[in-house]
Amino acid sequence: MAWKQLPYYAGLLSAAQFHGAAHHRPQEFQVIVAKNRRPIECGVVRVGFIARKRVEDVPVQDFNTPRGTIRVSTIEATAIDLVGYEHRAGGLDQVATVLSELSEQLDPDKLVAAAKTAPISWAQRLGFLLEEVGATAALARLESYVHDHARLSTPLAVGVSHAGARQAKDWKLYINAQVEAET
């Protein structure tokens, strides 16, 4: 990626693995980039690329690996991305499981900073899921951010009808799916 001068970072389940939340090993190494790219295979490793707007704004940190340094999303940015790309992370149940493992390390201020790089609906969903897994320490600042910026309610599960769904008013969210984190 450096040779091609493309902004990137390891994200989603691959980033969660770097941060110690490796409940299930990802089936592909997930890399976030600015534009869509085809997946590639490097030996036995499959690399999947996920396009994301504002990739340069996402907080990252460097990790040393046997093959060199790699950019990885911070814990807080990983949490935001997992909610935004839940279909690439194994669904809401898997996202909740990973969030429960990452939650103790979340910094409330950095979480809001990471949320500002994504659509507000991602922060709404993340707040609810963190509440569901009992990660209340990081929620006050995020809830305030959502309250100040979310204009419309959004469904928890994307692409699923929210007709008749109950509403979580503090997150402006229609609860149209049941979420169960593995323990």
N, C-alpha and C. Protein backbone atom coordinates (compact mmCIF):
# COMPACT_ATOMS: atom_id res chain seq x y z
N MET A 1 0.83 -1.19 0.00
CA MET A 1 0.00 0.00 0.00
C MET A 1 0.88 1.26 0.00
N ALA A 2 1.99 1.19 0.72
CA ALA A 2 2.90 2.34 0.74
C ALA A 2 3.49 2.56 -0.66
N TRP A 3 3.82 1.45 -1.34
CA TRP A 3 4.40 1.55 -2.67
C TRP A 3 3.41 2.22 -3.63
N LYS A 4 2.13 1.89 -3.51
CA LYS A 4 1.11 2.49 -4.36
C LYS A 4 0.63 3.83 -3.84
N GLN A 5 1.13 4.23 -2.67
CA GLN A 5 0.76 5.50 -2.03
C GLN A 5 -0.75 5.61 -1.82
N LEU A 6 -1.34 4.53 -1.30
CA LEU A 6 -2.77 4.50 -1.02
C LEU A 6 -3.01 4.53 0.49
N PRO A 7 -3.94 5.38 0.94
CA PRO A 7 -4.27 5.37 2.37
C PRO A 7 -4.99 4.06 2.71
N TYR A 8 -4.66 3.48 3.83
CA TYR A 8 -5.23 2.20 4.23
C TYR A 8 -5.08 2.05 5.73
N TYR A 9 -5.78 1.09 6.28
CA TYR A 9 -5.51 0.58 7.61
C TYR A 9 -6.16 -0.79 7.75
N ALA A 10 -5.56 -1.62 8.58
CA ALA A 10 -6.18 -2.91 8.90
C ALA A 10 -7.36 -2.60 9.80
N GLY A 11 -8.53 -3.17 9.48
CA GLY A 11 -9.72 -2.82 10.24
C GLY A 11 -10.57 -4.02 10.57
N LEU A 12 -11.73 -3.73 11.13
CA LEU A 12 -12.76 -4.69 11.49
C LEU A 12 -12.18 -5.83 12.35
N LEU A 13 -12.44 -7.07 11.97
CA LEU A 13 -12.01 -8.20 12.80
C LEU A 13 -10.49 -8.34 12.83
N SER A 14 -9.82 -7.93 11.75
CA SER A 14 -8.35 -7.99 11.74
C SER A 14 -7.78 -7.02 12.76
N ALA A 15 -8.35 -5.83 12.85
CA ALA A 15 -7.90 -4.86 13.85
C ALA A 15 -8.24 -5.33 15.25
N ALA A 16 -9.42 -5.90 15.41
CA ALA A 16 -9.82 -6.40 16.72
C ALA A 16 -8.84 -7.45 17.21
N GLN A 17 -8.33 -8.26 16.29
CA GLN A 17 -7.34 -9.27 16.64
C GLN A 17 -6.06 -8.62 17.16
N PHE A 18 -5.62 -7.53 16.53
CA PHE A 18 -4.44 -6.80 16.99
C PHE A 18 -4.65 -6.25 18.40
N HIS A 19 -5.90 -5.91 18.73
CA HIS A 19 -6.22 -5.33 20.03
C HIS A 19 -6.60 -6.37 21.07
N GLY A 20 -6.45 -7.64 20.73
CA GLY A 20 -6.66 -8.71 21.70
C GLY A 20 -8.06 -9.28 21.75
N ALA A 21 -8.92 -8.90 20.84
CA ALA A 21 -10.28 -9.44 20.80
C ALA A 21 -10.37 -10.43 19.65
N ALA A 22 -9.90 -11.60 19.89
CA ALA A 22 -9.85 -12.61 18.82
C ALA A 22 -10.75 -13.78 19.17
N HIS A 23 -12.03 -13.51 19.34
CA HIS A 23 -12.98 -14.56 19.70
C HIS A 23 -13.02 -15.61 18.59
N HIS A 24 -13.07 -15.14 17.36
CA HIS A 24 -13.00 -16.03 16.19
C HIS A 24 -11.97 -15.44 15.25
N ARG A 25 -11.14 -16.29 14.68
CA ARG A 25 -10.15 -15.80 13.73
C ARG A 25 -10.86 -15.41 12.43
N PRO A 26 -10.59 -14.18 11.92
CA PRO A 26 -11.25 -13.77 10.67
C PRO A 26 -10.82 -14.66 9.51
N GLN A 27 -11.74 -14.87 8.57
CA GLN A 27 -11.45 -15.72 7.42
C GLN A 27 -10.63 -15.00 6.36
N GLU A 28 -10.55 -13.68 6.48
CA GLU A 28 -9.71 -12.90 5.57
C GLU A 28 -9.10 -11.75 6.35
N PHE A 29 -7.98 -11.27 5.89
CA PHE A 29 -7.36 -10.11 6.50
C PHE A 29 -8.08 -8.90 5.91
N GLN A 30 -8.70 -8.09 6.76
CA GLN A 30 -9.56 -7.01 6.31
C GLN A 30 -8.82 -5.67 6.31
N VAL A 31 -8.76 -5.05 5.14
CA VAL A 31 -8.07 -3.79 4.95
C VAL A 31 -9.06 -2.74 4.47
N ILE A 32 -9.06 -1.60 5.14
CA ILE A 32 -9.95 -0.50 4.77
C ILE A 32 -9.18 0.44 3.85
N VAL A 33 -9.80 0.77 2.72
CA VAL A 33 -9.18 1.64 1.71
C VAL A 33 -10.19 2.69 1.25
N ALA A 34 -9.73 3.65 0.48
CA ALA A 34 -10.60 4.74 0.03
C ALA A 34 -11.52 4.33 -1.12
N LYS A 35 -11.06 3.43 -1.98
CA LYS A 35 -11.85 3.00 -3.14
C LYS A 35 -11.93 1.49 -3.20
N ASN A 36 -12.99 0.99 -3.80
CA ASN A 36 -13.17 -0.46 -3.94
C ASN A 36 -11.99 -1.09 -4.67
N ARG A 37 -11.59 -2.25 -4.18
CA ARG A 37 -10.54 -3.06 -4.81
C ARG A 37 -10.96 -4.51 -4.73
N ARG A 38 -10.51 -5.29 -5.66
CA ARG A 38 -10.78 -6.73 -5.63
C ARG A 38 -9.95 -7.37 -4.52
N PRO A 39 -10.48 -8.46 -3.94
CA PRO A 39 -9.68 -9.19 -2.96
C PRO A 39 -8.47 -9.83 -3.63
N ILE A 40 -7.44 -10.05 -2.84
CA ILE A 40 -6.24 -10.71 -3.36
C ILE A 40 -5.87 -11.86 -2.43
N GLU A 41 -5.04 -12.74 -2.94
CA GLU A 41 -4.52 -13.82 -2.12
C GLU A 41 -3.01 -13.76 -2.13
N CYS A 42 -2.45 -13.79 -0.94
CA CYS A 42 -0.99 -13.78 -0.76
C CYS A 42 -0.63 -15.08 -0.05
N GLY A 43 -0.30 -16.08 -0.83
CA GLY A 43 -0.05 -17.40 -0.24
C GLY A 43 -1.35 -17.97 0.29
N VAL A 44 -1.38 -18.25 1.59
CA VAL A 44 -2.59 -18.81 2.20
C VAL A 44 -3.49 -17.73 2.80
N VAL A 45 -3.07 -16.47 2.69
CA VAL A 45 -3.83 -15.36 3.28
C VAL A 45 -4.67 -14.68 2.21
N ARG A 46 -5.96 -14.58 2.48
CA ARG A 46 -6.87 -13.84 1.61
C ARG A 46 -7.02 -12.44 2.20
N VAL A 47 -6.84 -11.43 1.37
CA VAL A 47 -6.96 -10.04 1.80
C VAL A 47 -8.21 -9.45 1.17
N GLY A 48 -9.14 -9.01 2.01
CA GLY A 48 -10.36 -8.37 1.55
C GLY A 48 -10.26 -6.87 1.76
N PHE A 49 -10.69 -6.12 0.77
CA PHE A 49 -10.64 -4.67 0.86
C PHE A 49 -12.05 -4.12 1.03
N ILE A 50 -12.19 -3.18 1.94
CA ILE A 50 -13.48 -2.55 2.22
C ILE A 50 -13.32 -1.06 2.00
N ALA A 51 -14.16 -0.49 1.13
CA ALA A 51 -14.08 0.94 0.85
C ALA A 51 -14.78 1.72 1.95
N ARG A 52 -14.15 2.83 2.35
CA ARG A 52 -14.72 3.70 3.38
C ARG A 52 -14.39 5.14 3.04
N LYS A 53 -15.39 5.99 3.17
CA LYS A 53 -15.17 7.42 2.97
C LYS A 53 -14.32 7.95 4.11
N ARG A 54 -13.57 8.98 3.83
CA ARG A 54 -12.76 9.67 4.85
C ARG A 54 -11.76 8.74 5.54
N VAL A 55 -11.19 7.82 4.79
CA VAL A 55 -10.27 6.84 5.37
C VAL A 55 -9.06 7.53 6.03
N GLU A 56 -8.66 8.68 5.51
CA GLU A 56 -7.51 9.39 6.08
C GLU A 56 -7.82 9.99 7.44
N ASP A 57 -9.10 10.21 7.76
CA ASP A 57 -9.49 10.83 9.02
C ASP A 57 -9.61 9.85 10.17
N VAL A 58 -9.65 8.57 9.87
CA VAL A 58 -9.86 7.55 10.89
C VAL A 58 -8.60 7.41 11.76
N PRO A 59 -8.77 7.44 13.08
CA PRO A 59 -7.60 7.29 13.97
C PRO A 59 -6.97 5.91 13.83
N VAL A 60 -5.66 5.88 13.63
CA VAL A 60 -4.92 4.63 13.47
C VAL A 60 -3.71 4.62 14.38
N GLN A 61 -3.14 3.45 14.55
CA GLN A 61 -1.87 3.32 15.26
C GLN A 61 -1.04 2.29 14.53
N ASP A 62 0.26 2.37 14.69
CA ASP A 62 1.16 1.44 14.03
C ASP A 62 1.45 0.25 14.93
N PHE A 63 1.49 -0.93 14.31
CA PHE A 63 1.86 -2.16 15.00
C PHE A 63 3.05 -2.75 14.25
N ASN A 64 4.01 -3.26 14.99
CA ASN A 64 5.14 -3.96 14.38
C ASN A 64 4.76 -5.42 14.19
N THR A 65 5.06 -5.92 13.00
CA THR A 65 4.82 -7.32 12.68
C THR A 65 6.14 -7.91 12.19
N PRO A 66 6.23 -9.23 12.04
CA PRO A 66 7.46 -9.82 11.53
C PRO A 66 7.84 -9.32 10.13
N ARG A 67 6.87 -8.83 9.38
CA ARG A 67 7.14 -8.37 8.02
C ARG A 67 7.22 -6.85 7.90
N GLY A 68 7.12 -6.14 9.01
CA GLY A 68 7.21 -4.68 8.99
C GLY A 68 6.10 -4.04 9.81
N THR A 69 5.95 -2.75 9.63
CA THR A 69 4.95 -1.99 10.38
C THR A 69 3.66 -1.93 9.59
N ILE A 70 2.53 -2.02 10.30
CA ILE A 70 1.23 -1.96 9.66
C ILE A 70 0.36 -0.96 10.41
N ARG A 71 -0.46 -0.24 9.64
CA ARG A 71 -1.40 0.71 10.23
C ARG A 71 -2.67 -0.04 10.60
N VAL A 72 -3.14 0.15 11.83
CA VAL A 72 -4.32 -0.54 12.34
C VAL A 72 -5.22 0.51 12.97
N SER A 73 -6.52 0.39 12.77
CA SER A 73 -7.44 1.33 13.41
C SER A 73 -7.33 1.21 14.92
N THR A 74 -7.50 2.33 15.62
CA THR A 74 -7.48 2.31 17.07
C THR A 74 -8.65 1.47 17.58
N ILE A 75 -8.63 1.17 18.85
CA ILE A 75 -9.72 0.38 19.43
C ILE A 75 -11.06 1.06 19.19
N GLU A 76 -11.09 2.38 19.39
CA GLU A 76 -12.33 3.12 19.24
C GLU A 76 -12.80 3.15 17.79
N ALA A 77 -11.87 3.36 16.86
CA ALA A 77 -12.23 3.36 15.43
C ALA A 77 -12.65 1.96 14.98
N THR A 78 -12.04 0.94 15.56
CA THR A 78 -12.43 -0.43 15.25
C THR A 78 -13.87 -0.68 15.68
N ALA A 79 -14.24 -0.20 16.86
CA ALA A 79 -15.61 -0.36 17.37
C ALA A 79 -16.61 0.31 16.43
N ILE A 80 -16.29 1.53 15.99
CA ILE A 80 -17.17 2.25 15.06
C ILE A 80 -17.31 1.48 13.74
N ASP A 81 -16.19 1.05 13.18
CA ASP A 81 -16.21 0.33 11.90
C ASP A 81 -16.96 -1.00 11.99
N LEU A 82 -16.80 -1.71 13.09
CA LEU A 82 -17.50 -2.99 13.25
C LEU A 82 -19.01 -2.80 13.14
N VAL A 83 -19.52 -1.73 13.72
CA VAL A 83 -20.95 -1.46 13.67
C VAL A 83 -21.35 -1.02 12.26
N GLY A 84 -20.51 -0.23 11.62
CA GLY A 84 -20.83 0.27 10.28
C GLY A 84 -20.76 -0.80 9.20
N TYR A 85 -19.91 -1.78 9.40
CA TYR A 85 -19.74 -2.86 8.42
C TYR A 85 -20.07 -4.20 9.06
N GLU A 86 -21.16 -4.24 9.82
CA GLU A 86 -21.51 -5.44 10.57
C GLU A 86 -21.66 -6.67 9.68
N HIS A 87 -22.08 -6.47 8.43
CA HIS A 87 -22.22 -7.61 7.51
C HIS A 87 -20.86 -8.20 7.14
N ARG A 88 -19.79 -7.41 7.23
CA ARG A 88 -18.43 -7.91 6.94
C ARG A 88 -17.77 -8.48 8.20
N ALA A 89 -18.46 -8.33 9.35
CA ALA A 89 -17.90 -8.79 10.61
C ALA A 89 -18.68 -9.96 11.19
N GLY A 90 -19.57 -10.55 10.42
CA GLY A 90 -20.30 -11.72 10.88
C GLY A 90 -21.65 -11.44 11.49
N GLY A 91 -22.16 -10.23 11.37
CA GLY A 91 -23.48 -9.90 11.88
C GLY A 91 -23.44 -9.23 13.25
N LEU A 92 -24.60 -8.77 13.68
CA LEU A 92 -24.70 -8.02 14.93
C LEU A 92 -24.28 -8.83 16.16
N ASP A 93 -24.59 -10.13 16.18
CA ASP A 93 -24.19 -10.96 17.32
C ASP A 93 -22.67 -11.02 17.44
N GLN A 94 -21.99 -11.22 16.33
CA GLN A 94 -20.53 -11.27 16.34
C GLN A 94 -19.95 -9.91 16.72
N VAL A 95 -20.53 -8.83 16.20
CA VAL A 95 -20.07 -7.49 16.56
C VAL A 95 -20.21 -7.27 18.05
N ALA A 96 -21.34 -7.65 18.62
CA ALA A 96 -21.56 -7.49 20.06
C ALA A 96 -20.53 -8.29 20.86
N THR A 97 -20.21 -9.48 20.39
CA THR A 97 -19.20 -10.31 21.07
C THR A 97 -17.84 -9.62 21.07
N VAL A 98 -17.43 -9.11 19.93
CA VAL A 98 -16.14 -8.42 19.84
C VAL A 98 -16.15 -7.14 20.68
N LEU A 99 -17.26 -6.40 20.63
CA LEU A 99 -17.36 -5.18 21.43
C LEU A 99 -17.26 -5.48 22.92
N SER A 100 -17.82 -6.59 23.36
CA SER A 100 -17.72 -6.93 24.79
C SER A 100 -16.26 -7.17 25.17
N GLU A 101 -15.46 -7.69 24.25
CA GLU A 101 -14.04 -7.93 24.52
C GLU A 101 -13.22 -6.64 24.46
N LEU A 102 -13.62 -5.71 23.62
CA LEU A 102 -12.89 -4.44 23.47
C LEU A 102 -13.32 -3.38 24.48
N SER A 103 -14.50 -3.52 25.05
CA SER A 103 -15.14 -2.44 25.79
C SER A 103 -14.33 -1.90 26.96
N GLU A 104 -13.60 -2.73 27.66
CA GLU A 104 -12.84 -2.27 28.82
C GLU A 104 -11.70 -1.33 28.42
N GLN A 105 -11.27 -1.40 27.18
CA GLN A 105 -10.15 -0.58 26.72
C GLN A 105 -10.59 0.73 26.05
N LEU A 106 -11.89 0.92 25.87
CA LEU A 106 -12.39 2.10 25.16
C LEU A 106 -12.19 3.37 25.98
N ASP A 107 -11.66 4.39 25.33
CA ASP A 107 -11.52 5.71 25.93
C ASP A 107 -12.71 6.57 25.45
N PRO A 108 -13.52 7.11 26.37
CA PRO A 108 -14.72 7.86 25.96
C PRO A 108 -14.44 9.03 25.02
N ASP A 109 -13.37 9.77 25.25
CA ASP A 109 -13.05 10.92 24.38
C ASP A 109 -12.62 10.46 22.99
N LYS A 110 -11.79 9.43 22.94
CA LYS A 110 -11.35 8.90 21.65
C LYS A 110 -12.50 8.24 20.90
N LEU A 111 -13.46 7.70 21.64
CA LEU A 111 -14.62 7.08 21.01
C LEU A 111 -15.46 8.12 20.28
N VAL A 112 -15.65 9.27 20.89
CA VAL A 112 -16.40 10.35 20.24
C VAL A 112 -15.62 10.87 19.04
N ALA A 113 -14.30 11.02 19.17
CA ALA A 113 -13.47 11.47 18.05
C ALA A 113 -13.57 10.50 16.88
N ALA A 114 -13.57 9.21 17.15
CA ALA A 114 -13.71 8.21 16.09
C ALA A 114 -15.11 8.27 15.49
N ALA A 115 -16.12 8.49 16.32
CA ALA A 115 -17.50 8.56 15.83
C ALA A 115 -17.69 9.73 14.87
N LYS A 116 -16.93 10.78 15.03
CA LYS A 116 -17.04 11.95 14.16
C LYS A 116 -16.56 11.67 12.73
N THR A 117 -15.85 10.56 12.52
CA THR A 117 -15.36 10.21 11.19
C THR A 117 -16.35 9.33 10.42
N ALA A 118 -17.49 9.03 11.03
CA ALA A 118 -18.45 8.09 10.43
C ALA A 118 -19.85 8.68 10.46
N PRO A 119 -20.78 8.07 9.75
CA PRO A 119 -22.17 8.52 9.82
C PRO A 119 -22.70 8.42 11.25
N ILE A 120 -23.58 9.32 11.63
CA ILE A 120 -24.12 9.35 12.99
C ILE A 120 -24.87 8.06 13.32
N SER A 121 -25.45 7.41 12.32
CA SER A 121 -26.18 6.16 12.58
C SER A 121 -25.26 5.08 13.15
N TRP A 122 -23.98 5.12 12.79
CA TRP A 122 -23.03 4.15 13.34
C TRP A 122 -22.86 4.37 14.84
N ALA A 123 -22.79 5.63 15.25
CA ALA A 123 -22.65 5.94 16.68
C ALA A 123 -23.91 5.54 17.44
N GLN A 124 -25.07 5.74 16.82
CA GLN A 124 -26.33 5.34 17.45
C GLN A 124 -26.34 3.83 17.72
N ARG A 125 -25.97 3.05 16.71
CA ARG A 125 -25.96 1.59 16.85
C ARG A 125 -24.89 1.15 17.86
N LEU A 126 -23.72 1.78 17.79
CA LEU A 126 -22.64 1.41 18.70
C LEU A 126 -23.03 1.67 20.15
N GLY A 127 -23.63 2.81 20.41
CA GLY A 127 -24.04 3.12 21.78
C GLY A 127 -24.99 2.08 22.33
N PHE A 128 -25.97 1.70 21.53
CA PHE A 128 -26.93 0.70 21.98
C PHE A 128 -26.24 -0.64 22.24
N LEU A 129 -25.36 -1.06 21.33
CA LEU A 129 -24.69 -2.36 21.49
C LEU A 129 -23.76 -2.36 22.70
N LEU A 130 -23.06 -1.25 22.93
CA LEU A 130 -22.21 -1.17 24.11
C LEU A 130 -23.04 -1.25 25.39
N GLU A 131 -24.20 -0.62 25.36
CA GLU A 131 -25.12 -0.70 26.50
C GLU A 131 -25.58 -2.15 26.71
N GLU A 132 -25.86 -2.84 25.61
CA GLU A 132 -26.31 -4.23 25.69
C GLU A 132 -25.26 -5.16 26.29
N VAL A 133 -23.97 -4.89 26.03
CA VAL A 133 -22.92 -5.76 26.55
C VAL A 133 -22.38 -5.27 27.89
N GLY A 134 -23.02 -4.24 28.45
CA GLY A 134 -22.65 -3.77 29.78
C GLY A 134 -21.45 -2.85 29.84
N ALA A 135 -21.10 -2.24 28.76
CA ALA A 135 -19.93 -1.34 28.72
C ALA A 135 -20.37 0.10 28.98
N THR A 136 -20.84 0.36 30.18
CA THR A 136 -21.42 1.66 30.48
C THR A 136 -20.39 2.75 30.72
N ALA A 137 -19.14 2.41 31.02
CA ALA A 137 -18.13 3.41 31.33
C ALA A 137 -17.85 4.34 30.15
N ALA A 138 -17.96 3.85 28.93
CA ALA A 138 -17.63 4.65 27.75
C ALA A 138 -18.84 5.35 27.13
N LEU A 139 -20.01 5.27 27.77
CA LEU A 139 -21.23 5.69 27.08
C LEU A 139 -21.63 7.14 27.25
N ALA A 140 -21.33 7.78 28.34
CA ALA A 140 -21.87 9.12 28.61
C ALA A 140 -21.51 10.12 27.51
N ARG A 141 -20.25 10.17 27.12
CA ARG A 141 -19.83 11.12 26.08
C ARG A 141 -20.44 10.77 24.73
N LEU A 142 -20.50 9.48 24.41
CA LEU A 142 -21.08 9.05 23.13
C LEU A 142 -22.57 9.36 23.10
N GLU A 143 -23.26 9.16 24.20
CA GLU A 143 -24.70 9.45 24.25
C GLU A 143 -24.95 10.94 24.05
N SER A 144 -24.11 11.76 24.64
CA SER A 144 -24.22 13.21 24.46
C SER A 144 -23.99 13.60 23.00
N TYR A 145 -23.00 12.98 22.37
CA TYR A 145 -22.71 13.24 20.95
C TYR A 145 -23.91 12.85 20.08
N VAL A 146 -24.48 11.68 20.33
CA VAL A 146 -25.64 11.23 19.57
C VAL A 146 -26.81 12.17 19.79
N HIS A 147 -27.04 12.54 21.03
CA HIS A 147 -28.16 13.45 21.35
C HIS A 147 -28.03 14.77 20.60
N ASP A 148 -26.81 15.29 20.49
CA ASP A 148 -26.57 16.58 19.83
C ASP A 148 -26.61 16.50 18.31
N HIS A 149 -26.31 15.33 17.73
CA HIS A 149 -26.14 15.26 16.28
C HIS A 149 -27.16 14.40 15.53
N ALA A 150 -27.79 13.46 16.18
CA ALA A 150 -28.74 12.58 15.49
C ALA A 150 -30.08 13.29 15.36
N ARG A 151 -30.52 13.46 14.15
CA ARG A 151 -31.80 14.13 13.90
C ARG A 151 -32.93 13.11 13.73
N LEU A 152 -32.62 11.96 13.17
CA LEU A 152 -33.63 10.95 12.87
C LEU A 152 -33.30 9.64 13.59
N SER A 153 -34.34 8.88 13.87
CA SER A 153 -34.12 7.53 14.39
C SER A 153 -33.72 6.64 13.24
N THR A 154 -32.92 5.64 13.54
CA THR A 154 -32.41 4.71 12.54
C THR A 154 -32.62 3.28 13.04
N PRO A 155 -32.76 2.31 12.15
CA PRO A 155 -32.93 0.92 12.60
C PRO A 155 -31.59 0.33 13.08
N LEU A 156 -31.67 -0.55 14.06
CA LEU A 156 -30.48 -1.25 14.54
C LEU A 156 -29.92 -2.14 13.44
N ALA A 157 -30.76 -2.98 12.87
CA ALA A 157 -30.34 -3.87 11.79
C ALA A 157 -30.68 -3.24 10.45
N VAL A 158 -29.67 -3.03 9.64
CA VAL A 158 -29.86 -2.43 8.32
C VAL A 158 -30.52 -3.44 7.39
N GLY A 159 -31.48 -2.97 6.61
CA GLY A 159 -32.14 -3.83 5.63
C GLY A 159 -33.24 -4.70 6.20
N VAL A 160 -33.59 -4.48 7.46
CA VAL A 160 -34.66 -5.23 8.10
C VAL A 160 -35.76 -4.23 8.47
N SER A 161 -36.99 -4.59 8.21
CA SER A 161 -38.10 -3.69 8.51
C SER A 161 -38.11 -3.33 9.99
N HIS A 162 -38.42 -2.08 10.27
CA HIS A 162 -38.53 -1.66 11.66
C HIS A 162 -39.97 -1.29 12.04
N ALA A 163 -40.91 -1.70 11.20
CA ALA A 163 -42.33 -1.47 11.50
C ALA A 163 -42.70 -2.21 12.78
N GLY A 164 -43.22 -1.49 13.74
CA GLY A 164 -43.63 -2.08 15.01
C GLY A 164 -42.49 -2.34 15.99
N ALA A 165 -41.28 -1.95 15.63
CA ALA A 165 -40.14 -2.18 16.51
C ALA A 165 -40.18 -1.19 17.67
N ARG A 166 -39.71 -1.64 18.84
CA ARG A 166 -39.62 -0.71 19.96
C ARG A 166 -38.50 0.28 19.68
N GLN A 167 -38.53 1.39 20.40
CA GLN A 167 -37.54 2.42 20.14
C GLN A 167 -36.70 2.67 21.39
N ALA A 168 -35.39 2.75 21.21
CA ALA A 168 -34.48 3.15 22.28
C ALA A 168 -34.30 4.66 22.13
N LYS A 169 -35.02 5.41 22.91
CA LYS A 169 -35.08 6.86 22.73
C LYS A 169 -33.74 7.54 22.97
N ASP A 170 -32.94 7.05 23.95
CA ASP A 170 -31.66 7.71 24.20
C ASP A 170 -30.69 7.55 23.04
N TRP A 171 -30.87 6.53 22.20
CA TRP A 171 -29.98 6.33 21.04
C TRP A 171 -30.69 6.65 19.73
N LYS A 172 -31.96 7.06 19.78
CA LYS A 172 -32.74 7.33 18.57
C LYS A 172 -32.61 6.16 17.60
N LEU A 173 -33.03 5.00 18.10
CA LEU A 173 -32.80 3.75 17.39
C LEU A 173 -34.03 2.86 17.46
N TYR A 174 -34.42 2.30 16.32
CA TYR A 174 -35.48 1.29 16.28
C TYR A 174 -34.83 -0.07 16.53
N ILE A 175 -35.26 -0.77 17.54
CA ILE A 175 -34.70 -2.08 17.86
C ILE A 175 -35.46 -3.13 17.06
N ASN A 176 -34.97 -3.42 15.87
CA ASN A 176 -35.65 -4.34 14.96
C ASN A 176 -34.93 -5.68 14.85
N ALA A 177 -34.04 -5.96 15.80
CA ALA A 177 -33.33 -7.24 15.83
C ALA A 177 -32.93 -7.54 17.27
N GLN A 178 -32.87 -8.81 17.57
CA GLN A 178 -32.40 -9.23 18.89
C GLN A 178 -30.91 -9.55 18.77
N VAL A 179 -30.12 -9.04 19.70
CA VAL A 179 -28.68 -9.22 19.65
C VAL A 179 -28.23 -10.01 20.89
N GLU A 180 -27.44 -11.06 20.63
CA GLU A 180 -26.90 -11.88 21.72
C GLU A 180 -25.41 -12.06 21.51
N ALA A 181 -24.64 -11.51 22.44
CA ALA A 181 -23.19 -11.68 22.39
C ALA A 181 -22.81 -13.02 22.97
N GLU A 182 -21.82 -13.68 22.37
CA GLU A 182 -21.30 -14.93 22.93
C GLU A 182 -20.43 -14.59 24.13
N THR A 183 -20.40 -15.47 25.09
CA THR A 183 -19.53 -15.25 26.23
C THR A 183 -18.51 -16.34 26.38
